[in-house]
Structure formats: structure tokens, C-alpha cells
C-alpha atoms as a PDB file:
ATOM      1  CA  MET A   1       0.000   0.000   0.000  1.00  0.00           C
ATOM      2  CA  ALA A   2       1.302   3.465  -0.894  1.00  0.00           C
ATOM      3  CA  ARG A   3       1.990   5.687   2.078  1.00  0.00           C
ATOM      4  CA  SER A   4      -0.296   8.659   2.617  1.00  0.00           C
ATOM      5  CA  LEU A   5       1.216  12.095   2.081  1.00  0.00           C
ATOM      6  CA  GLU A   6      -1.778  13.794   3.680  1.00  0.00           C
ATOM      7  CA  LEU A   7      -1.042  15.796   6.800  1.00  0.00           C
ATOM      8  CA  THR A   8      -3.152  16.507   9.829  1.00  0.00           C
ATOM      9  CA  LYS A   9      -3.960  20.109  10.687  1.00  0.00           C
ATOM     10  CA  LYS A  10      -1.260  20.177  13.370  1.00  0.00           C
ATOM     11  CA  GLN A  11       1.320  18.549  11.099  1.00  0.00           C
ATOM     12  CA  LYS A  12       0.597  21.192   8.452  1.00  0.00           C
ATOM     13  CA  ALA A  13       1.021  23.925  11.051  1.00  0.00           C
ATOM     14  CA  VAL A  14       4.397  22.578  12.171  1.00  0.00           C
ATOM     15  CA  LEU A  15       5.574  22.198   8.571  1.00  0.00           C
ATOM     16  CA  ASN A  16       4.398  25.704   7.669  1.00  0.00           C
ATOM     17  CA  TYR A  17       6.256  27.152  10.655  1.00  0.00           C
ATOM     18  CA  ILE A  18       9.485  25.381   9.676  1.00  0.00           C
ATOM     19  CA  GLU A  19       9.184  26.387   6.000  1.00  0.00           C
ATOM     20  CA  THR A  20       8.401  30.021   6.795  1.00  0.00           C
ATOM     21  CA  TYR A  21      11.252  30.237   9.298  1.00  0.00           C
ATOM     22  CA  TYR A  22      13.687  28.682   6.816  1.00  0.00           C
ATOM     23  CA  ALA A  23      12.604  30.966   3.948  1.00  0.00           C
ATOM     24  CA  ARG A  24      13.044  34.096   6.064  1.00  0.00           C
ATOM     25  CA  LYS A  25      16.306  33.260   7.819  1.00  0.00           C
ATOM     26  CA  GLY A  26      18.043  30.709   5.625  1.00  0.00           C
ATOM     27  CA  PHE A  27      18.178  28.064   8.355  1.00  0.00           C
ATOM     28  CA  SER A  28      15.688  26.022  10.335  1.00  0.00           C
ATOM     29  CA  PRO A  29      14.327  26.562  13.849  1.00  0.00           C
ATOM     30  CA  THR A  30      15.705  24.509  16.724  1.00  0.00           C
ATOM     31  CA  TYR A  31      13.654  21.845  18.461  1.00  0.00           C
ATOM     32  CA  GLU A  32      13.387  24.237  21.415  1.00  0.00           C
ATOM     33  CA  GLU A  33      11.895  26.962  19.230  1.00  0.00           C
ATOM     34  CA  ILE A  34       9.386  24.548  17.700  1.00  0.00           C
ATOM     35  CA  ALA A  35       8.363  23.277  21.128  1.00  0.00           C
ATOM     36  CA  GLU A  36       7.911  26.821  22.415  1.00  0.00           C
ATOM     37  CA  ARG A  37       5.940  27.903  19.341  1.00  0.00           C
ATOM     38  CA  PHE A  38       3.409  25.082  19.681  1.00  0.00           C
ATOM     39  CA  GLY A  39       3.411  24.664  23.444  1.00  0.00           C
ATOM     40  CA  PHE A  40       4.819  21.141  23.408  1.00  0.00           C
ATOM     41  CA  GLY A  41       5.734  19.866  26.859  1.00  0.00           C
ATOM     42  CA  SER A  42       8.886  18.085  25.708  1.00  0.00           C
ATOM     43  CA  TYR A  43      11.247  17.675  22.771  1.00  0.00           C
ATOM     44  CA  ASN A  44       9.825  14.190  22.264  1.00  0.00           C
ATOM     45  CA  SER A  45       6.694  15.708  20.747  1.00  0.00           C
ATOM     46  CA  VAL A  46       8.821  17.716  18.329  1.00  0.00           C
ATOM     47  CA  THR A  47      10.771  14.582  17.433  1.00  0.00           C
ATOM     48  CA  ASP A  48       7.540  12.727  16.670  1.00  0.00           C
ATOM     49  CA  TYR A  49       6.335  15.451  14.306  1.00  0.00           C
ATOM     50  CA  ILE A  50       9.714  15.687  12.577  1.00  0.00           C
ATOM     51  CA  LYS A  51       9.814  11.913  12.072  1.00  0.00           C
ATOM     52  CA  VAL A  52       6.363  11.916  10.458  1.00  0.00           C
ATOM     53  CA  LEU A  53       7.188  14.863   8.190  1.00  0.00           C
ATOM     54  CA  LYS A  54      10.450  13.202   7.150  1.00  0.00           C
ATOM     55  CA  LYS A  55       8.707   9.895   6.476  1.00  0.00           C
ATOM     56  CA  LYS A  56       6.173  11.633   4.256  1.00  0.00           C
ATOM     57  CA  GLY A  57       8.921  13.391   2.303  1.00  0.00           C
ATOM     58  CA  TYR A  58       8.445  16.961   3.497  1.00  0.00           C
ATOM     59  CA  LEU A  59      11.621  17.276   5.564  1.00  0.00           C
ATOM     60  CA  ASP A  60      15.211  16.118   5.405  1.00  0.00           C
ATOM     61  CA  ASN A  61      17.939  16.356   7.996  1.00  0.00           C
ATOM     62  CA  GLU A  62      21.589  17.454   8.058  1.00  0.00           C
ATOM     63  CA  ALA A  63      23.283  15.262  10.633  1.00  0.00           C
ATOM     64  CA  GLY A  64      25.274  16.908  13.385  1.00  0.00           C
ATOM     65  CA  LYS A  65      23.705  20.353  13.091  1.00  0.00           C
ATOM     66  CA  SER A  66      21.564  21.966  15.780  1.00  0.00           C
ATOM     67  CA  ARG A  67      19.511  23.548  13.010  1.00  0.00           C
ATOM     68  CA  GLY A  68      19.703  20.565  10.718  1.00  0.00           C
ATOM     69  CA  ILE A  69      16.025  20.317   9.720  1.00  0.00           C
ATOM     70  CA  VAL A  70      15.680  20.974   5.983  1.00  0.00           C
ATOM     71  CA  PRO A  71      12.237  21.697   4.482  1.00  0.00           C
ATOM     72  CA  ILE A  72      12.687  20.092   1.072  1.00  0.00           C
ATOM     73  CA  ARG A  73      10.208  22.181  -0.895  1.00  0.00           C
ATOM     74  CA  ILE A  74      11.621  25.512   0.297  1.00  0.00           C
ATOM     75  CA  ALA A  75      15.274  24.452   0.222  1.00  0.00           C
ATOM     76  CA  ARG A  76      14.928  23.426  -3.414  1.00  0.00           C
ATOM     77  CA  ASN A  77      13.880  26.980  -4.297  1.00  0.00           C
ATOM     78  CA  TRP A  78      16.808  28.551  -2.465  1.00  0.00           C
ATOM     79  CA  SER A  79      19.644  26.089  -3.170  1.00  0.00           C
ATOM     80  CA  ILE A  80      22.352  27.382  -5.493  1.00  0.00           C
ATOM     81  CA  PRO A  81      25.004  24.879  -6.633  1.00  0.00           C
ATOM     82  CA  LEU A  82      28.670  25.697  -6.049  1.00  0.00           C
ATOM     83  CA  VAL A  83      30.233  24.156  -9.135  1.00  0.00           C
ATOM     84  CA  GLY A  84      33.924  24.819  -8.667  1.00  0.00           C
ATOM     85  CA  THR A  85      36.509  27.580  -9.083  1.00  0.00           C
ATOM     86  CA  ILE A  86      36.787  30.420 -11.578  1.00  0.00           C
ATOM     87  CA  THR A  87      39.876  32.539 -11.990  1.00  0.00           C
ATOM     88  CA  ALA A  88      40.011  36.293 -11.664  1.00  0.00           C
ATOM     89  CA  GLY A  89      43.240  36.235 -13.654  1.00  0.00           C
ATOM     90  CA  GLU A  90      44.326  33.957 -16.490  1.00  0.00           C
ATOM     91  CA  PRO A  91      41.673  31.440 -17.589  1.00  0.00           C
ATOM     92  CA  ILE A  92      41.737  28.065 -15.854  1.00  0.00           C
ATOM     93  CA  GLU A  93      39.997  24.820 -16.627  1.00  0.00           C
ATOM     94  CA  ALA A  94      36.239  25.138 -16.232  1.00  0.00           C
ATOM     95  CA  VAL A  95      34.799  22.975 -13.457  1.00  0.00           C
ATOM     96  CA  GLN A  96      31.249  21.644 -13.563  1.00  0.00           C
ATOM     97  CA  ASN A  97      31.200  19.271 -10.612  1.00  0.00           C
ATOM     98  CA  ILE A  98      28.797  20.339  -7.880  1.00  0.00           C
ATOM     99  CA  GLU A  99      30.734  20.638  -4.610  1.00  0.00           C
ATOM    100  CA  THR A 100      27.865  21.720  -2.390  1.00  0.00           C
ATOM    101  CA  TYR A 101      24.751  23.884  -2.315  1.00  0.00           C
ATOM    102  CA  LEU A 102      24.452  27.394  -0.893  1.00  0.00           C
ATOM    103  CA  ASN A 103      21.342  28.845   0.701  1.00  0.00           C
ATOM    104  CA  LEU A 104      21.449  32.605   0.186  1.00  0.00           C
ATOM    105  CA  SER A 105      17.909  33.460   1.214  1.00  0.00           C
ATOM    106  CA  THR A 106      19.268  36.063   3.646  1.00  0.00           C
ATOM    107  CA  MET A 107      20.699  37.870   0.588  1.00  0.00           C
ATOM    108  CA  GLY A 108      17.353  37.645  -1.172  1.00  0.00           C
ATOM    109  CA  ILE A 109      18.842  35.394  -3.861  1.00  0.00           C
ATOM    110  CA  ASP A 110      16.670  32.443  -4.804  1.00  0.00           C
ATOM    111  CA  ASN A 111      16.987  29.781  -7.477  1.00  0.00           C
ATOM    112  CA  ARG A 112      13.344  29.190  -8.297  1.00  0.00           C
ATOM    113  CA  ASN A 113      14.085  29.368 -12.029  1.00  0.00           C
ATOM    114  CA  GLU A 114      17.180  27.144 -11.680  1.00  0.00           C
ATOM    115  CA  ASP A 115      19.145  29.838 -13.508  1.00  0.00           C
ATOM    116  CA  LYS A 116      21.905  30.483 -10.982  1.00  0.00           C
ATOM    117  CA  PHE A 117      25.136  28.852  -9.878  1.00  0.00           C
ATOM    118  CA  ALA A 118      28.099  29.803  -7.710  1.00  0.00           C
ATOM    119  CA  LEU A 119      31.842  29.761  -8.329  1.00  0.00           C
ATOM    120  CA  ARG A 120      34.785  30.208  -5.991  1.00  0.00           C
ATOM    121  CA  VAL A 121      37.170  32.962  -7.112  1.00  0.00           C
ATOM    122  CA  ARG A 122      40.891  32.417  -7.545  1.00  0.00           C
ATOM    123  CA  GLY A 123      43.020  35.513  -8.120  1.00  0.00           C
ATOM    124  CA  ASN A 124      42.596  39.285  -7.828  1.00  0.00           C
ATOM    125  CA  SER A 125      42.033  40.590 -11.340  1.00  0.00           C
ATOM    126  CA  MET A 126      38.631  42.023 -10.282  1.00  0.00           C
ATOM    127  CA  ILE A 127      39.904  43.434  -6.975  1.00  0.00           C
ATOM    128  CA  ASN A 128      38.907  47.022  -7.806  1.00  0.00           C
ATOM    129  CA  ARG A 129      35.342  45.772  -8.134  1.00  0.00           C
ATOM    130  CA  GLY A 130      35.552  44.352  -4.611  1.00  0.00           C
ATOM    131  CA  ILE A 131      35.941  40.725  -5.688  1.00  0.00           C
ATOM    132  CA  ARG A 132      38.786  39.048  -3.811  1.00  0.00           C
ATOM    133  CA  ASP A 133      40.647  35.780  -3.987  1.00  0.00           C
ATOM    134  CA  GLY A 134      38.611  33.167  -2.095  1.00  0.00           C
ATOM    135  CA  ASP A 135      35.254  34.902  -2.510  1.00  0.00           C
ATOM    136  CA  ILE A 136      32.256  33.062  -3.910  1.00  0.00           C
ATOM    137  CA  VAL A 137      30.380  34.797  -6.723  1.00  0.00           C
ATOM    138  CA  ILE A 138      26.769  34.105  -7.623  1.00  0.00           C
ATOM    139  CA  ILE A 139      26.167  33.888 -11.366  1.00  0.00           C
ATOM    140  CA  ARG A 140      22.874  34.276 -13.196  1.00  0.00           C
ATOM    141  CA  LYS A 141      22.926  32.377 -16.475  1.00  0.00           C
ATOM    142  CA  GLN A 142      22.660  34.733 -19.448  1.00  0.00           C
ATOM    143  CA  LYS A 143      24.404  35.073 -22.800  1.00  0.00           C
ATOM    144  CA  GLU A 144      24.583  38.865 -23.030  1.00  0.00           C
ATOM    145  CA  VAL A 145      26.120  41.267 -20.502  1.00  0.00           C
ATOM    146  CA  GLY A 146      26.687  45.009 -20.323  1.00  0.00           C
ATOM    147  CA  LYS A 147      30.088  46.632 -20.597  1.00  0.00           C
ATOM    148  CA  ARG A 148      30.401  47.102 -16.814  1.00  0.00           C
ATOM    149  CA  ASP A 149      28.811  43.800 -15.845  1.00  0.00           C
ATOM    150  CA  VAL A 150      31.206  41.289 -14.322  1.00  0.00           C
ATOM    151  CA  ALA A 151      30.854  38.173 -16.446  1.00  0.00           C
ATOM    152  CA  ALA A 152      31.820  34.544 -16.111  1.00  0.00           C
ATOM    153  CA  VAL A 153      33.280  33.642 -19.490  1.00  0.00           C
ATOM    154  CA  ARG A 154      34.296  30.295 -20.940  1.00  0.00           C
ATOM    155  CA  VAL A 155      37.298  30.346 -23.281  1.00  0.00           C
ATOM    156  CA  GLY A 156      37.581  26.890 -24.793  1.00  0.00           C
ATOM    157  CA  ASN A 157      37.744  24.557 -21.807  1.00  0.00           C
ATOM    158  CA  ASP A 158      38.790  27.364 -19.457  1.00  0.00           C
ATOM    159  CA  ALA A 159      36.805  29.919 -17.480  1.00  0.00           C
ATOM    160  CA  THR A 160      37.540  33.418 -16.231  1.00  0.00           C
ATOM    161  CA  LEU A 161      35.864  36.385 -14.538  1.00  0.00           C
ATOM    162  CA  LYS A 162      36.092  39.649 -16.496  1.00  0.00           C
ATOM    163  CA  TYR A 163      34.343  42.572 -18.152  1.00  0.00           C
ATOM    164  CA  VAL A 164      33.481  41.831 -21.783  1.00  0.00           C
ATOM    165  CA  GLU A 165      34.145  44.380 -24.533  1.00  0.00           C
ATOM    166  CA  ARG A 166      33.347  43.686 -28.179  1.00  0.00           C
ATOM    167  CA  THR A 167      34.305  45.327 -31.450  1.00  0.00           C
ATOM    168  CA  LYS A 168      33.587  44.147 -34.971  1.00  0.00           C
ATOM    169  CA  THR A 169      36.814  42.173 -35.055  1.00  0.00           C
ATOM    170  CA  ARG A 170      37.813  41.409 -31.467  1.00  0.00           C
ATOM    171  CA  ILE A 171      36.566  40.370 -28.052  1.00  0.00           C
ATOM    172  CA  LYS A 172      38.412  41.712 -25.028  1.00  0.00           C
ATOM    173  CA  LEU A 173      38.174  40.259 -21.540  1.00  0.00           C
ATOM    174  CA  VAL A 174      39.089  43.146 -19.266  1.00  0.00           C
ATOM    175  CA  PRO A 175      40.241  42.885 -15.628  1.00  0.00           C
ATOM    176  CA  ASP A 176      39.582  45.510 -12.956  1.00  0.00           C
ATOM    177  CA  ASN A 177      43.104  45.574 -11.592  1.00  0.00           C
ATOM    178  CA  ASN A 178      45.634  48.184 -12.699  1.00  0.00           C
ATOM    179  CA  ARG A 179      48.438  45.623 -12.634  1.00  0.00           C
ATOM    180  CA  MET A 180      46.797  43.305 -15.150  1.00  0.00           C
ATOM    181  CA  LYS A 181      46.222  43.561 -18.883  1.00  0.00           C
ATOM    182  CA  PRO A 182      43.139  42.618 -20.918  1.00  0.00           C
ATOM    183  CA  LEU A 183      42.959  39.361 -22.830  1.00  0.00           C
ATOM    184  CA  SER A 184      42.179  40.046 -26.483  1.00  0.00           C
ATOM    185  CA  TYR A 185      40.860  37.539 -29.032  1.00  0.00           C
ATOM    186  CA  LYS A 186      40.317  37.932 -32.754  1.00  0.00           C
ATOM    187  CA  ILE A 187      36.811  36.947 -33.800  1.00  0.00           C
ATOM    188  CA  SER A 188      36.885  33.947 -36.123  1.00  0.00           C
ATOM    189  CA  PRO A 189      34.863  30.798 -36.782  1.00  0.00           C
ATOM    190  CA  GLU A 190      37.383  28.882 -34.669  1.00  0.00           C
ATOM    191  CA  LEU A 191      37.090  31.149 -31.628  1.00  0.00           C
ATOM    192  CA  ASP A 192      35.327  29.317 -28.809  1.00  0.00           C
ATOM    193  CA  ILE A 193      34.187  31.934 -26.295  1.00  0.00           C
ATOM    194  CA  GLU A 194      30.909  31.869 -24.413  1.00  0.00           C
ATOM    195  CA  VAL A 195      29.464  34.168 -21.773  1.00  0.00           C
ATOM    196  CA  LEU A 196      28.183  31.864 -19.034  1.00  0.00           C
ATOM    197  CA  GLY A 197      26.443  34.536 -17.016  1.00  0.00           C
ATOM    198  CA  LYS A 198      26.538  37.743 -15.009  1.00  0.00           C
ATOM    199  CA  VAL A 199      27.744  38.143 -11.430  1.00  0.00           C
ATOM    200  CA  ILE A 200      24.743  39.223  -9.340  1.00  0.00           C
ATOM    201  CA  GLY A 201      26.054  38.628  -5.838  1.00  0.00           C
ATOM    202  CA  LEU A 202      29.066  37.877  -3.715  1.00  0.00           C
ATOM    203  CA  TYR A 203      29.404  35.648  -0.679  1.00  0.00           C
ATOM    204  CA  ARG A 204      32.357  35.924   1.664  1.00  0.00           C
ATOM    205  CA  ASP A 205      32.912  33.678   4.678  1.00  0.00           C
ATOM    206  CA  GLY A 206      32.901  35.575   7.935  1.00  0.00           C
ATOM    207  CA  VAL A 207      31.083  38.623   6.552  1.00  0.00           C
END
């Protein structure tokens, strides 16, 4: 027999509280907060509700975290894949393996359209734009960018973070660092350059 996904009124209330909390703050409430919100006499009651909601596929859990409850439906909307490292310098090999997922709801950045990804920055060619070595940039997938938009660009099998300037005959990838020079490419049928997207946000550990 297929398991029922229907929830009781109280189960729906608990789930709604967890989802709303997660969407607003980017992390889940603690068992203590759930117990206080619903007037449960012990954490055992919270545990029972969490078990049922997990069994029915509404929640997941990150082991070892005090705020490890994950509301699947909401987390899916906010999860942005970190797919590797991009250079803010000379192009390096493009990486497409998902390392982890970031929840940036506190920055107001969602992924409902599944059109965003994150890359870790290596190098300082965009330092004057405030992008440092070790930062994580959030990219929105798009093929066209403005002259002062910071773009993630694929050059062959490599990727780099630059401004993009175009003329009739050349494409220039321009750094924002006075010590570095632009990379210039002659437009030809053999040229393999693709704008992957535009930087729309920056995440820095400890900030």
C-alpha cells in the first residue's frame, strides 16, 4: 500500500512554521523553538512530528547540526550549486562538478528558475570591483552582458571572470586591476568563447 502524504492540521502547522522560518532566515528553527511555538511539553513531541514529516517526504535532515532540519520544498527553491573555481586572472579549466549547495535566502537570492550557480574565485584581477581571492560569486545564467557587468566567461575549456568588450573584429576580456592587462581575441569561426552569465552577488565567509 502506498503511504499517505496527507497531513493533519497540526502537522501542516508545524511544517508551515518550519518552511516560513527557513525561507526568512536561511536556516531552520531549533527543536526548542518549535516546542515553544506550539506549546509542546517536551522535545519528544517535536521529534515525533519531525519523524512523520520526514517519512512523508516533506523534511530532510543534516546530521550533526543543531539547526539541521531541511524543508525540502523551500530548500529546493533557495539552493544554489557551487560548481567549482573560476579565476580572476588567467583562464583556468572550467569545473562543472557540484561541490555543495548554498542557501542565500538572507541575501534575497533564490533559485526558483534554476538559472543560478556559484563559483569560488581564484586571483585578484577584479579586486577594484571588490571581488577578492577566495570569494564566492553568484552567477545568473545569461548570454549577453553590459560593458560594466562582471561576467563569467568560458574560453575553450577554461573559465575566467572579467568585463566583456566587443568590437567588430575582437573580443576583449578586461580585468579591474591596474596591474593586469586585458585578454584580447580575434573573432573567427574557430574562436570558442561563451558568456556563461553575469555576477549578481558575492558571498564571503565571515562577513
